[in-house]
Amino acid sequence: MFSIVVITTTSALAQTSTPDDVTTEDIEPRRIGEAGTMTIGVSGYVDRFFSSEHALPTNYTAQVDVARFITGRIAVRGGLSGTGSVGGDDPEERPVGAGAPALHALIGAHYYFSPRSMLSLYTGADYWAQLTQRQSPDSGSLLGAVGVEGAISSRARVYVEGGYGAALTKGEDGETLSRYVGRIGFRFKF
């Protein structure tokens, strides 16, 4: 007697279709630089003006800003920052002007080099206007910035930024006031 036994096997394939209730829009990717995206930023940093004539204080600052990507690479930003200070010449002698603790408004634009990615280097420029403790005349200052921003979730980002700039108005003794800024903070997408 002769018998033939046939054995067949099939591989178990992973489910290739997704349920109807899960769409790609429900699972947001971690991306920086999508046109129309708005973020709210919160940061803290140190800031110092330098003068050849005076020892100016070091400021500590808290900042809140709102940014909107008008393209995948360009974001416009505006915000407010408030400062306190430590050190410098006698604080009683310098209650107003550049380097004094004050409330500032800023507006600017930044260019992102890697749009729609999880990490992007960016550069840009901001105009800063001192709203309180102003010295007359005061035209504000321009600041160039370079930073890196990384997505830590679909809604949260961390950034580190440094900048250098100058006041548009000369100091008390006709000197140019330069400004260095370093900040670290978070931006939240909404």
N, C-alpha and C. Protein backbone atom coordinates (compact mmCIF):
# COMPACT_ATOMS: atom_id res chain seq x y z
N MET A 1 0.79 -1.15 0.00
CA MET A 1 0.00 0.00 0.00
C MET A 1 0.84 1.23 0.00
N PHE A 2 0.30 2.06 -0.65
CA PHE A 2 1.00 3.30 -0.85
C PHE A 2 0.07 4.46 -0.51
N SER A 3 0.52 5.44 0.28
CA SER A 3 -0.32 6.60 0.58
C SER A 3 0.51 7.88 0.48
N ILE A 4 -0.15 8.89 0.10
CA ILE A 4 0.50 10.20 -0.06
C ILE A 4 -0.13 11.14 0.97
N VAL A 5 0.76 11.76 1.68
CA VAL A 5 0.32 12.76 2.65
C VAL A 5 0.81 14.11 2.15
N VAL A 6 -0.10 15.03 2.05
CA VAL A 6 0.25 16.38 1.60
C VAL A 6 0.10 17.33 2.78
N ILE A 7 1.14 18.06 3.05
CA ILE A 7 1.11 19.04 4.13
C ILE A 7 1.34 20.41 3.50
N THR A 8 0.46 21.31 3.83
CA THR A 8 0.62 22.67 3.32
C THR A 8 0.74 23.62 4.50
N THR A 9 1.51 24.66 4.29
CA THR A 9 1.64 25.69 5.33
C THR A 9 1.38 27.05 4.70
N THR A 10 0.87 27.91 5.51
CA THR A 10 0.69 29.30 5.07
C THR A 10 1.30 30.19 6.14
N SER A 11 1.90 31.25 5.71
CA SER A 11 2.50 32.16 6.69
C SER A 11 1.44 33.14 7.18
N ALA A 12 1.57 33.48 8.43
CA ALA A 12 0.64 34.45 9.01
C ALA A 12 1.17 35.84 8.66
N LEU A 13 0.40 36.57 7.91
CA LEU A 13 0.80 37.92 7.52
C LEU A 13 0.22 38.92 8.50
N ALA A 14 0.98 39.96 8.74
CA ALA A 14 0.49 41.04 9.61
C ALA A 14 -0.66 41.73 8.91
N GLN A 15 -1.53 42.27 9.70
CA GLN A 15 -2.69 42.96 9.14
C GLN A 15 -2.20 44.15 8.32
N THR A 16 -2.58 44.19 7.08
CA THR A 16 -2.09 45.26 6.20
C THR A 16 -3.03 46.44 6.12
N SER A 17 -4.21 46.29 6.59
CA SER A 17 -5.14 47.42 6.55
C SER A 17 -5.33 47.96 7.96
N THR A 18 -5.64 49.24 8.04
CA THR A 18 -5.88 49.86 9.34
C THR A 18 -7.37 49.95 9.57
N PRO A 19 -7.76 49.90 10.83
CA PRO A 19 -9.18 50.05 11.12
C PRO A 19 -9.69 51.40 10.63
N ASP A 20 -10.97 51.46 10.37
CA ASP A 20 -11.55 52.69 9.83
C ASP A 20 -11.47 53.86 10.80
N ASP A 21 -11.39 53.59 12.11
CA ASP A 21 -11.39 54.68 13.06
C ASP A 21 -10.00 55.30 13.29
N VAL A 22 -8.94 54.73 12.73
CA VAL A 22 -7.60 55.29 12.86
C VAL A 22 -7.18 55.84 11.50
N THR A 23 -6.88 57.11 11.47
CA THR A 23 -6.40 57.73 10.24
C THR A 23 -5.03 58.31 10.48
N THR A 24 -4.34 58.66 9.44
CA THR A 24 -3.01 59.23 9.58
C THR A 24 -3.05 60.60 10.24
N GLU A 25 -4.17 61.27 10.21
CA GLU A 25 -4.28 62.57 10.84
C GLU A 25 -4.35 62.45 12.36
N ASP A 26 -4.79 61.29 12.88
CA ASP A 26 -4.85 61.09 14.32
C ASP A 26 -3.47 60.89 14.92
N ILE A 27 -2.54 60.39 14.13
CA ILE A 27 -1.18 60.16 14.59
C ILE A 27 -0.31 61.23 13.97
N GLU A 28 -0.06 62.30 14.74
CA GLU A 28 0.66 63.44 14.20
C GLU A 28 2.16 63.19 14.20
N PRO A 29 2.82 63.50 13.11
CA PRO A 29 4.27 63.33 13.06
C PRO A 29 4.98 64.46 13.82
N ARG A 30 6.20 64.17 14.21
CA ARG A 30 7.03 65.19 14.86
C ARG A 30 7.79 65.93 13.77
N ARG A 31 7.27 67.10 13.39
CA ARG A 31 7.89 67.88 12.32
C ARG A 31 7.93 69.35 12.68
N ILE A 32 8.99 69.99 12.24
CA ILE A 32 9.17 71.43 12.40
C ILE A 32 9.11 72.03 11.01
N GLY A 33 8.39 73.12 10.86
CA GLY A 33 8.42 73.85 9.61
C GLY A 33 7.34 73.49 8.63
N GLU A 34 6.08 73.45 9.06
CA GLU A 34 4.97 73.24 8.15
C GLU A 34 4.19 74.54 8.04
N ALA A 35 3.92 74.96 6.81
CA ALA A 35 3.20 76.21 6.58
C ALA A 35 1.88 76.22 7.33
N GLY A 36 1.58 77.34 7.99
CA GLY A 36 0.34 77.50 8.73
C GLY A 36 0.41 77.08 10.18
N THR A 37 1.51 76.46 10.60
CA THR A 37 1.67 76.03 11.99
C THR A 37 1.94 77.23 12.89
N MET A 38 1.28 77.28 14.04
CA MET A 38 1.55 78.31 15.05
C MET A 38 2.11 77.65 16.30
N THR A 39 3.04 78.34 16.95
CA THR A 39 3.61 77.85 18.20
C THR A 39 3.63 78.97 19.24
N ILE A 40 3.57 78.57 20.50
CA ILE A 40 3.78 79.48 21.62
C ILE A 40 5.08 79.06 22.27
N GLY A 41 5.99 80.01 22.45
CA GLY A 41 7.29 79.72 23.04
C GLY A 41 7.42 80.30 24.43
N VAL A 42 8.11 79.57 25.30
CA VAL A 42 8.40 80.00 26.66
C VAL A 42 9.88 79.75 26.88
N SER A 43 10.60 80.78 27.33
CA SER A 43 12.04 80.59 27.52
C SER A 43 12.55 81.48 28.64
N GLY A 44 13.74 81.18 29.04
CA GLY A 44 14.48 82.00 29.98
C GLY A 44 15.91 82.09 29.50
N TYR A 45 16.54 83.20 29.75
CA TYR A 45 17.91 83.36 29.26
C TYR A 45 18.61 84.51 29.95
N VAL A 46 19.91 84.64 29.66
CA VAL A 46 20.71 85.75 30.16
C VAL A 46 21.04 86.68 28.99
N ASP A 47 21.23 87.95 29.30
CA ASP A 47 21.41 88.97 28.28
C ASP A 47 22.33 90.04 28.86
N ARG A 48 23.30 90.49 28.09
CA ARG A 48 24.19 91.52 28.61
C ARG A 48 24.62 92.47 27.50
N PHE A 49 24.52 93.77 27.77
CA PHE A 49 25.08 94.81 26.93
C PHE A 49 26.51 95.09 27.43
N PHE A 50 27.40 95.46 26.51
CA PHE A 50 28.75 95.82 26.89
C PHE A 50 29.03 97.23 26.41
N SER A 51 29.72 98.00 27.23
CA SER A 51 30.08 99.36 26.91
C SER A 51 31.53 99.57 27.31
N SER A 52 32.26 100.35 26.52
CA SER A 52 33.65 100.66 26.88
C SER A 52 33.72 101.68 28.01
N GLU A 53 32.62 102.33 28.33
CA GLU A 53 32.59 103.39 29.33
C GLU A 53 31.98 102.98 30.67
N HIS A 54 31.11 101.97 30.70
CA HIS A 54 30.39 101.60 31.92
C HIS A 54 30.34 100.09 32.09
N ALA A 55 30.27 99.64 33.34
CA ALA A 55 30.02 98.23 33.64
C ALA A 55 28.50 98.07 33.75
N LEU A 56 27.90 97.47 32.75
CA LEU A 56 26.45 97.30 32.72
C LEU A 56 26.07 95.98 33.37
N PRO A 57 24.87 95.87 33.91
CA PRO A 57 24.47 94.64 34.61
C PRO A 57 24.19 93.48 33.66
N THR A 58 24.20 92.28 34.21
CA THR A 58 23.76 91.09 33.49
C THR A 58 22.27 90.92 33.78
N ASN A 59 21.48 90.75 32.74
CA ASN A 59 20.03 90.61 32.89
C ASN A 59 19.63 89.14 32.85
N TYR A 60 18.63 88.78 33.61
CA TYR A 60 17.99 87.48 33.48
C TYR A 60 16.58 87.75 32.98
N THR A 61 16.12 86.92 32.09
CA THR A 61 14.92 87.24 31.32
C THR A 61 14.00 86.03 31.21
N ALA A 62 12.71 86.31 31.26
CA ALA A 62 11.67 85.33 30.92
C ALA A 62 10.95 85.86 29.70
N GLN A 63 10.69 84.99 28.74
CA GLN A 63 10.11 85.43 27.47
C GLN A 63 8.95 84.53 27.05
N VAL A 64 7.94 85.14 26.45
CA VAL A 64 6.83 84.42 25.83
C VAL A 64 6.71 84.95 24.42
N ASP A 65 6.61 84.06 23.43
CA ASP A 65 6.47 84.52 22.05
C ASP A 65 5.49 83.63 21.29
N VAL A 66 4.98 84.15 20.19
CA VAL A 66 4.09 83.42 19.29
C VAL A 66 4.73 83.47 17.91
N ALA A 67 4.84 82.31 17.26
CA ALA A 67 5.43 82.23 15.92
C ALA A 67 4.45 81.55 14.98
N ARG A 68 4.48 81.97 13.72
CA ARG A 68 3.66 81.35 12.68
C ARG A 68 4.53 81.11 11.46
N PHE A 69 4.49 79.87 10.97
CA PHE A 69 5.22 79.54 9.75
C PHE A 69 4.39 80.01 8.56
N ILE A 70 4.92 80.97 7.81
CA ILE A 70 4.21 81.45 6.62
C ILE A 70 4.56 80.59 5.41
N THR A 71 5.70 79.92 5.46
CA THR A 71 6.07 78.87 4.51
C THR A 71 6.69 77.76 5.35
N GLY A 72 7.14 76.71 4.70
CA GLY A 72 7.80 75.64 5.44
C GLY A 72 9.14 76.06 6.01
N ARG A 73 9.75 77.10 5.48
CA ARG A 73 11.07 77.54 5.91
C ARG A 73 11.07 78.84 6.70
N ILE A 74 10.07 79.69 6.56
CA ILE A 74 10.09 81.02 7.17
C ILE A 74 8.99 81.14 8.23
N ALA A 75 9.41 81.54 9.43
CA ALA A 75 8.49 81.77 10.54
C ALA A 75 8.62 83.22 10.99
N VAL A 76 7.50 83.89 11.20
CA VAL A 76 7.50 85.23 11.79
C VAL A 76 7.16 85.08 13.26
N ARG A 77 7.74 85.95 14.09
CA ARG A 77 7.61 85.80 15.53
C ARG A 77 7.44 87.15 16.19
N GLY A 78 6.63 87.19 17.22
CA GLY A 78 6.47 88.38 18.06
C GLY A 78 6.30 87.94 19.49
N GLY A 79 6.71 88.80 20.43
CA GLY A 79 6.58 88.40 21.82
C GLY A 79 6.94 89.49 22.79
N LEU A 80 6.91 89.13 24.06
CA LEU A 80 7.27 90.02 25.17
C LEU A 80 8.28 89.32 26.05
N SER A 81 9.19 90.10 26.61
CA SER A 81 10.13 89.57 27.58
C SER A 81 10.30 90.57 28.72
N GLY A 82 10.47 90.05 29.90
CA GLY A 82 10.69 90.87 31.08
C GLY A 82 12.02 90.51 31.70
N THR A 83 12.76 91.52 32.18
CA THR A 83 14.10 91.29 32.70
C THR A 83 14.27 91.80 34.12
N GLY A 84 15.20 91.18 34.82
CA GLY A 84 15.73 91.66 36.09
C GLY A 84 17.23 91.74 35.90
N SER A 85 17.99 92.25 36.87
CA SER A 85 19.43 92.38 36.65
C SER A 85 20.24 92.10 37.90
N VAL A 86 21.52 91.77 37.64
CA VAL A 86 22.50 91.51 38.68
C VAL A 86 23.80 92.17 38.26
N GLY A 87 24.48 92.87 39.16
CA GLY A 87 25.81 93.42 38.89
C GLY A 87 25.79 94.74 38.15
N GLY A 88 26.94 95.10 37.59
CA GLY A 88 27.09 96.35 36.87
C GLY A 88 27.46 97.50 37.79
N ASP A 89 27.49 98.72 37.23
CA ASP A 89 27.72 99.92 38.04
C ASP A 89 26.62 100.02 39.08
N ASP A 90 26.73 100.96 39.97
CA ASP A 90 25.71 101.15 41.00
C ASP A 90 24.34 101.24 40.35
N PRO A 91 23.42 100.29 40.66
CA PRO A 91 22.11 100.27 40.00
C PRO A 91 21.31 101.55 40.20
N GLU A 92 21.58 102.29 41.29
CA GLU A 92 20.86 103.54 41.51
C GLU A 92 21.24 104.60 40.49
N GLU A 93 22.43 104.49 39.92
CA GLU A 93 22.88 105.46 38.92
C GLU A 93 22.34 105.16 37.53
N ARG A 94 21.86 103.96 37.28
CA ARG A 94 21.43 103.57 35.94
C ARG A 94 20.04 102.93 35.99
N PRO A 95 19.01 103.67 36.34
CA PRO A 95 17.68 103.08 36.42
C PRO A 95 16.96 102.98 35.07
N VAL A 96 17.49 103.62 34.02
CA VAL A 96 16.84 103.60 32.71
C VAL A 96 17.86 103.32 31.62
N GLY A 97 17.36 103.00 30.42
CA GLY A 97 18.21 102.83 29.26
C GLY A 97 18.61 101.39 29.00
N ALA A 98 19.54 101.22 28.08
CA ALA A 98 20.00 99.88 27.69
C ALA A 98 20.61 99.17 28.88
N GLY A 99 20.26 97.93 29.06
CA GLY A 99 20.79 97.13 30.14
C GLY A 99 20.01 97.23 31.44
N ALA A 100 19.05 98.15 31.54
CA ALA A 100 18.24 98.28 32.75
C ALA A 100 17.15 97.21 32.74
N PRO A 101 16.75 96.72 33.91
CA PRO A 101 15.63 95.77 33.95
C PRO A 101 14.38 96.43 33.36
N ALA A 102 13.73 95.75 32.43
CA ALA A 102 12.62 96.37 31.72
C ALA A 102 11.75 95.33 31.03
N LEU A 103 10.64 95.79 30.49
CA LEU A 103 9.77 94.98 29.65
C LEU A 103 10.09 95.33 28.19
N HIS A 104 10.29 94.31 27.36
CA HIS A 104 10.66 94.48 25.95
C HIS A 104 9.63 93.80 25.05
N ALA A 105 9.43 94.37 23.87
CA ALA A 105 8.63 93.73 22.81
C ALA A 105 9.59 93.37 21.69
N LEU A 106 9.32 92.25 21.01
CA LEU A 106 10.17 91.84 19.90
C LEU A 106 9.33 91.38 18.74
N ILE A 107 9.88 91.57 17.55
CA ILE A 107 9.27 91.06 16.32
C ILE A 107 10.40 90.68 15.38
N GLY A 108 10.22 89.57 14.65
CA GLY A 108 11.29 89.14 13.76
C GLY A 108 10.86 88.02 12.85
N ALA A 109 11.82 87.51 12.10
CA ALA A 109 11.60 86.39 11.18
C ALA A 109 12.79 85.46 11.23
N HIS A 110 12.51 84.16 11.09
CA HIS A 110 13.57 83.15 11.11
C HIS A 110 13.43 82.22 9.91
N TYR A 111 14.58 81.78 9.41
CA TYR A 111 14.65 80.88 8.27
C TYR A 111 15.12 79.51 8.76
N TYR A 112 14.32 78.46 8.53
CA TYR A 112 14.64 77.10 8.95
C TYR A 112 15.26 76.35 7.78
N PHE A 113 16.42 75.72 8.01
CA PHE A 113 17.16 75.05 6.95
C PHE A 113 16.63 73.66 6.61
N SER A 114 15.95 72.99 7.53
CA SER A 114 15.44 71.63 7.30
C SER A 114 13.94 71.57 7.58
N PRO A 115 13.12 72.08 6.66
CA PRO A 115 11.68 72.05 6.92
C PRO A 115 11.13 70.63 6.93
N ARG A 116 10.05 70.44 7.68
CA ARG A 116 9.34 69.17 7.79
C ARG A 116 10.23 68.05 8.33
N SER A 117 11.16 68.42 9.22
CA SER A 117 12.02 67.42 9.85
C SER A 117 11.89 67.50 11.36
N MET A 118 12.50 66.55 12.07
CA MET A 118 12.42 66.54 13.53
C MET A 118 13.41 67.50 14.18
N LEU A 119 14.43 67.92 13.46
CA LEU A 119 15.46 68.80 13.98
C LEU A 119 15.86 69.77 12.89
N SER A 120 15.93 71.05 13.22
CA SER A 120 16.28 72.03 12.20
C SER A 120 17.14 73.15 12.78
N LEU A 121 18.18 73.49 12.07
CA LEU A 121 18.99 74.67 12.34
C LEU A 121 18.25 75.86 11.74
N TYR A 122 18.28 77.01 12.41
CA TYR A 122 17.64 78.20 11.86
C TYR A 122 18.46 79.44 12.15
N THR A 123 18.20 80.48 11.39
CA THR A 123 18.83 81.77 11.58
C THR A 123 17.80 82.85 11.30
N GLY A 124 18.02 84.03 11.83
CA GLY A 124 17.06 85.10 11.60
C GLY A 124 17.48 86.39 12.26
N ALA A 125 16.55 87.33 12.29
CA ALA A 125 16.79 88.64 12.88
C ALA A 125 15.55 89.10 13.63
N ASP A 126 15.77 89.83 14.72
CA ASP A 126 14.70 90.38 15.54
C ASP A 126 14.94 91.86 15.79
N TYR A 127 13.86 92.60 15.90
CA TYR A 127 13.91 93.99 16.36
C TYR A 127 13.35 93.99 17.78
N TRP A 128 14.08 94.58 18.71
CA TRP A 128 13.68 94.66 20.11
C TRP A 128 13.41 96.11 20.47
N ALA A 129 12.27 96.37 21.10
CA ALA A 129 11.93 97.71 21.59
C ALA A 129 11.73 97.64 23.09
N GLN A 130 12.41 98.51 23.81
CA GLN A 130 12.26 98.56 25.26
C GLN A 130 11.01 99.37 25.59
N LEU A 131 10.06 98.76 26.30
CA LEU A 131 8.78 99.40 26.59
C LEU A 131 8.78 100.18 27.90
N THR A 132 9.55 99.73 28.89
CA THR A 132 9.63 100.44 30.17
C THR A 132 11.09 100.79 30.44
N GLN A 133 11.33 101.69 31.37
CA GLN A 133 12.68 102.13 31.73
C GLN A 133 13.48 102.61 30.52
N ARG A 134 12.80 103.27 29.59
CA ARG A 134 13.46 103.75 28.37
C ARG A 134 14.27 105.01 28.65
N GLN A 135 15.33 105.12 27.89
CA GLN A 135 16.13 106.33 27.92
C GLN A 135 15.75 107.14 26.69
N SER A 136 15.70 108.41 26.80
CA SER A 136 15.27 109.24 25.68
C SER A 136 16.51 109.76 24.98
N PRO A 137 16.72 109.65 23.71
CA PRO A 137 15.95 108.85 22.75
C PRO A 137 16.37 107.38 22.80
N ASP A 138 15.50 106.49 22.36
CA ASP A 138 15.78 105.06 22.31
C ASP A 138 15.10 104.49 21.08
N SER A 139 15.89 104.00 20.15
CA SER A 139 15.36 103.44 18.90
C SER A 139 15.31 101.93 18.90
N GLY A 140 15.57 101.29 20.04
CA GLY A 140 15.55 99.83 20.10
C GLY A 140 16.86 99.23 19.65
N SER A 141 16.84 97.93 19.37
CA SER A 141 18.05 97.25 18.91
C SER A 141 17.70 96.16 17.90
N LEU A 142 18.68 95.85 17.05
CA LEU A 142 18.57 94.76 16.09
C LEU A 142 19.45 93.62 16.56
N LEU A 143 18.96 92.40 16.40
CA LEU A 143 19.66 91.24 16.90
C LEU A 143 19.61 90.13 15.87
N GLY A 144 20.76 89.60 15.48
CA GLY A 144 20.83 88.42 14.62
C GLY A 144 20.91 87.18 15.49
N ALA A 145 20.24 86.11 15.09
CA ALA A 145 20.18 84.91 15.93
C ALA A 145 20.45 83.66 15.11
N VAL A 146 21.03 82.66 15.77
CA VAL A 146 21.23 81.32 15.21
C VAL A 146 20.78 80.34 16.27
N GLY A 147 20.02 79.32 15.86
CA GLY A 147 19.54 78.36 16.83
C GLY A 147 19.27 77.01 16.23
N VAL A 148 18.90 76.09 17.09
CA VAL A 148 18.49 74.75 16.67
C VAL A 148 17.22 74.41 17.44
N GLU A 149 16.26 73.83 16.73
CA GLU A 149 14.98 73.45 17.32
C GLU A 149 14.72 71.98 17.02
N GLY A 150 14.31 71.24 18.04
CA GLY A 150 14.04 69.82 17.88
C GLY A 150 12.68 69.45 18.43
N ALA A 151 11.97 68.59 17.72
CA ALA A 151 10.65 68.12 18.14
C ALA A 151 10.83 66.99 19.14
N ILE A 152 10.23 67.14 20.34
CA ILE A 152 10.28 66.07 21.33
C ILE A 152 8.96 65.30 21.37
N SER A 153 7.92 65.85 20.74
CA SER A 153 6.65 65.16 20.54
C SER A 153 5.96 65.86 19.38
N SER A 154 4.75 65.45 19.06
CA SER A 154 4.04 66.09 17.95
C SER A 154 3.62 67.51 18.30
N ARG A 155 3.58 67.85 19.59
CA ARG A 155 3.15 69.18 20.03
C ARG A 155 4.22 70.01 20.72
N ALA A 156 5.31 69.39 21.19
CA ALA A 156 6.32 70.11 21.96
C ALA A 156 7.68 70.09 21.27
N ARG A 157 8.38 71.22 21.38
CA ARG A 157 9.71 71.36 20.80
C ARG A 157 10.61 72.03 21.81
N VAL A 158 11.88 71.73 21.75
CA VAL A 158 12.87 72.40 22.58
C VAL A 158 13.81 73.16 21.64
N TYR A 159 14.28 74.32 22.09
CA TYR A 159 15.21 75.07 21.25
C TYR A 159 16.30 75.72 22.09
N VAL A 160 17.43 75.93 21.43
CA VAL A 160 18.58 76.63 21.99
C VAL A 160 18.97 77.66 20.95
N GLU A 161 19.18 78.90 21.41
CA GLU A 161 19.42 80.00 20.47
C GLU A 161 20.45 80.96 21.04
N GLY A 162 21.28 81.51 20.19
CA GLY A 162 22.24 82.53 20.58
C GLY A 162 22.15 83.67 19.59
N GLY A 163 22.49 84.87 20.05
CA GLY A 163 22.40 86.01 19.15
C GLY A 163 23.37 87.12 19.52
N TYR A 164 23.60 87.97 18.55
CA TYR A 164 24.46 89.14 18.71
C TYR A 164 23.82 90.29 17.96
N GLY A 165 23.87 91.47 18.56
CA GLY A 165 23.30 92.63 17.90
C GLY A 165 23.80 93.91 18.50
N ALA A 166 23.15 95.01 18.13
CA ALA A 166 23.56 96.33 18.60
C ALA A 166 22.34 97.22 18.76
N ALA A 167 22.46 98.14 19.71
CA ALA A 167 21.42 99.15 19.90
C ALA A 167 21.47 100.13 18.73
N LEU A 168 20.31 100.62 18.32
CA LEU A 168 20.25 101.58 17.22
C LEU A 168 20.54 103.01 17.68
N THR A 169 20.59 103.22 19.00
CA THR A 169 20.90 104.52 19.58
C THR A 169 22.22 104.39 20.32
N LYS A 170 23.09 105.38 20.22
CA LYS A 170 24.37 105.38 20.92
C LYS A 170 24.16 105.46 22.42
N GLY A 171 25.18 105.06 23.19
CA GLY A 171 25.14 105.13 24.64
C GLY A 171 25.27 106.56 25.14
N GLU A 172 25.32 106.72 26.46
CA GLU A 172 25.39 108.04 27.09
C GLU A 172 26.61 108.84 26.64
N ASP A 173 27.72 108.16 26.37
CA ASP A 173 28.95 108.84 25.98
C ASP A 173 29.25 108.68 24.49
N GLY A 174 28.24 108.38 23.69
CA GLY A 174 28.40 108.26 22.24
C GLY A 174 28.94 106.93 21.77
N GLU A 175 29.04 105.95 22.66
CA GLU A 175 29.57 104.64 22.28
C GLU A 175 28.47 103.75 21.71
N THR A 176 28.89 102.78 20.89
CA THR A 176 27.96 101.78 20.36
C THR A 176 27.75 100.71 21.40
N LEU A 177 26.50 100.38 21.66
CA LEU A 177 26.17 99.34 22.63
C LEU A 177 25.91 98.04 21.88
N SER A 178 26.69 97.00 22.17
CA SER A 178 26.46 95.71 21.56
C SER A 178 25.75 94.80 22.55
N ARG A 179 25.09 93.79 22.01
CA ARG A 179 24.26 92.93 22.84
C ARG A 179 24.49 91.47 22.48
N TYR A 180 24.63 90.63 23.52
CA TYR A 180 24.75 89.19 23.35
C TYR A 180 23.56 88.55 24.04
N VAL A 181 22.97 87.55 23.41
CA VAL A 181 21.81 86.87 23.98
C VAL A 181 22.00 85.37 23.83
N GLY A 182 21.66 84.62 24.88
CA GLY A 182 21.61 83.17 24.83
C GLY A 182 20.31 82.74 25.48
N ARG A 183 19.57 81.84 24.84
CA ARG A 183 18.31 81.41 25.44
C ARG A 183 18.06 79.93 25.16
N ILE A 184 17.32 79.33 26.07
CA ILE A 184 16.87 77.95 25.91
C ILE A 184 15.41 77.93 26.33
N GLY A 185 14.60 77.17 25.60
CA GLY A 185 13.17 77.17 25.95
C GLY A 185 12.40 76.10 25.22
N PHE A 186 11.09 76.19 25.34
CA PHE A 186 10.17 75.24 24.72
C PHE A 186 9.17 75.99 23.85
N ARG A 187 8.75 75.37 22.77
CA ARG A 187 7.67 75.89 21.93
C ARG A 187 6.61 74.81 21.84
N PHE A 188 5.36 75.25 21.93
CA PHE A 188 4.24 74.31 21.88
C PHE A 188 3.36 74.62 20.68
N LYS A 189 3.10 73.61 19.87
CA LYS A 189 2.28 73.76 18.66
C LYS A 189 0.81 73.74 19.02
N PHE A 190 0.04 74.65 18.40
CA PHE A 190 -1.41 74.61 18.59
C PHE A 190 -2.12 74.87 17.29
